């Protein structure tokens, strides 16, 4: 059984041969898998944990608001529920290049921006 691609990003700085083969791995992963895991990327676990926490909180707030709007629009005022087990990676798409879309994303708290 094949495992999904794990790409060592530190090899991008190990000379032209390593850089080329790493870029080929990324290309292959994008074309044939649609995703991959990056290791040795230089981003601290603390920052990743903070981003995950803030993203989950943002998503929870958005989902709760959407749920309340749906309940109100359907006349389901007796329904009481809680939003849980949320996939934090699917909240929104943020792009910085060629042009940032940060200003287009509503309701982001300053810490999250």
Protein backbone atom coordinates (compact mmCIF):
# COMPACT_ATOMS: atom_id res chain seq x y z
CA UNK A 1 0.00 0.00 0.00
CA UNK A 2 1.32 3.41 -0.98
CA UNK A 3 1.58 6.16 1.64
CA UNK A 4 0.89 9.80 0.91
CA UNK A 5 3.87 12.05 0.12
CA UNK A 6 6.00 13.50 2.91
CA UNK A 7 8.28 16.24 1.63
CA UNK A 8 11.38 17.50 3.45
CA UNK A 9 11.34 21.24 2.77
CA UNK A 10 14.87 21.71 4.15
CA UNK A 11 16.19 20.02 0.99
CA UNK A 12 15.17 23.05 -1.08
CA UNK A 13 18.37 24.72 0.17
CA UNK A 14 20.70 21.73 -0.36
CA UNK A 15 21.90 22.59 -3.85
CA UNK A 16 20.38 22.44 -7.32
CA UNK A 17 20.04 18.63 -7.49
CA UNK A 18 18.19 18.37 -4.16
CA UNK A 19 16.09 21.43 -4.94
CA UNK A 20 15.07 20.04 -8.32
CA UNK A 21 14.12 16.64 -6.94
CA UNK A 22 12.17 18.26 -4.07
CA UNK A 23 10.28 20.46 -6.52
CA UNK A 24 9.49 17.34 -8.57
CA UNK A 25 8.12 15.64 -5.44
CA UNK A 26 5.88 18.65 -4.78
CA UNK A 27 4.68 18.69 -8.40
CA UNK A 28 3.95 14.96 -8.31
CA UNK A 29 2.15 15.23 -4.98
CA UNK A 30 -0.04 18.07 -6.27
CA UNK A 31 -0.86 16.34 -9.55
CA UNK A 32 -1.34 12.79 -8.27
CA UNK A 33 -2.36 13.13 -4.64
CA UNK A 34 -3.80 16.61 -4.14
CA UNK A 35 -2.05 16.97 -0.79
CA UNK A 36 1.19 16.22 1.04
CA UNK A 37 2.86 16.63 4.41
CA UNK A 38 5.72 19.09 4.79
CA UNK A 39 8.46 18.40 7.33
CA UNK A 40 11.41 20.59 8.32
CA UNK A 41 9.53 23.70 7.18
CA UNK A 42 10.81 25.91 9.99
CA UNK A 43 7.38 26.83 11.41
CA UNK A 44 7.25 26.28 15.17
CA UNK A 45 4.76 23.87 16.70
CA UNK A 46 3.66 26.69 19.01
CA UNK A 47 2.66 28.89 16.05
CA UNK A 48 0.88 26.00 14.35
CA UNK A 49 -1.02 25.24 17.58
CA UNK A 50 -2.00 28.91 17.92
CA UNK A 51 -3.23 29.07 14.32
CA UNK A 52 -5.23 25.88 14.81
CA UNK A 53 -6.80 27.20 18.04
CA UNK A 54 -7.75 30.55 16.49
CA UNK A 55 -9.08 28.86 13.35
CA UNK A 56 -11.26 26.46 15.33
CA UNK A 57 -12.66 29.36 17.36
CA UNK A 58 -13.38 31.41 14.21
CA UNK A 59 -15.06 28.44 12.53
CA UNK A 60 -17.13 27.65 15.63
CA UNK A 61 -18.42 31.23 15.78
CA UNK A 62 -19.28 31.24 12.06
CA UNK A 63 -21.04 27.86 12.26
CA UNK A 64 -23.02 28.90 15.32
CA UNK A 65 -24.19 32.07 13.54
CA UNK A 66 -25.15 30.12 10.40
CA UNK A 67 -27.01 27.58 12.54
CA UNK A 68 -28.96 30.33 14.34
CA UNK A 69 -29.85 31.94 11.00
CA UNK A 70 -31.02 28.60 9.60
CA UNK A 71 -33.12 27.87 12.67
CA UNK A 72 -34.72 31.31 12.49
CA UNK A 73 -35.40 31.05 8.75
CA UNK A 74 -37.03 27.61 9.13
CA UNK A 75 -39.04 28.50 12.21
CA UNK A 76 -37.29 25.83 14.26
CA UNK A 77 -36.99 27.83 17.46
CA UNK A 78 -37.48 24.75 19.65
CA UNK A 79 -34.35 23.13 18.21
CA UNK A 80 -31.35 23.38 20.46
CA UNK A 81 -28.02 22.06 19.29
CA UNK A 82 -24.33 22.57 19.66
CA UNK A 83 -21.77 22.78 16.88
CA UNK A 84 -18.90 20.35 17.52
CA UNK A 85 -16.41 18.07 15.79
CA UNK A 86 -15.46 20.71 13.25
CA UNK A 87 -12.81 20.29 10.59
CA UNK A 88 -10.72 23.42 11.20
CA UNK A 89 -8.83 23.17 7.90
CA UNK A 90 -11.95 23.87 5.83
CA UNK A 91 -12.81 27.31 7.22
CA UNK A 92 -11.73 29.52 4.30
CA UNK A 93 -9.07 30.02 1.67
CA UNK A 94 -6.45 32.67 2.38
CA UNK A 95 -4.20 33.85 -0.40
CA UNK A 96 -1.28 36.29 -0.23
CA UNK A 97 0.15 36.13 -3.76
CA UNK A 98 -0.22 37.61 -6.27
CA UNK A 99 -2.74 39.69 -4.30
CA UNK A 100 -3.88 39.14 -0.72
CA UNK A 101 -7.57 38.47 -0.08
CA UNK A 102 -7.26 39.07 3.69
CA UNK A 103 -9.50 42.16 3.54
CA UNK A 104 -12.27 40.14 1.85
CA UNK A 105 -12.62 37.71 4.78
CA UNK A 106 -15.19 39.04 7.25
CA UNK A 107 -15.18 38.78 11.01
CA UNK A 108 -11.51 37.93 11.56
CA UNK A 109 -10.32 39.02 14.96
CA UNK A 110 -7.10 41.02 15.08
CA UNK A 111 -5.07 38.18 16.72
CA UNK A 112 -6.16 35.89 13.93
CA UNK A 113 -5.18 38.31 11.18
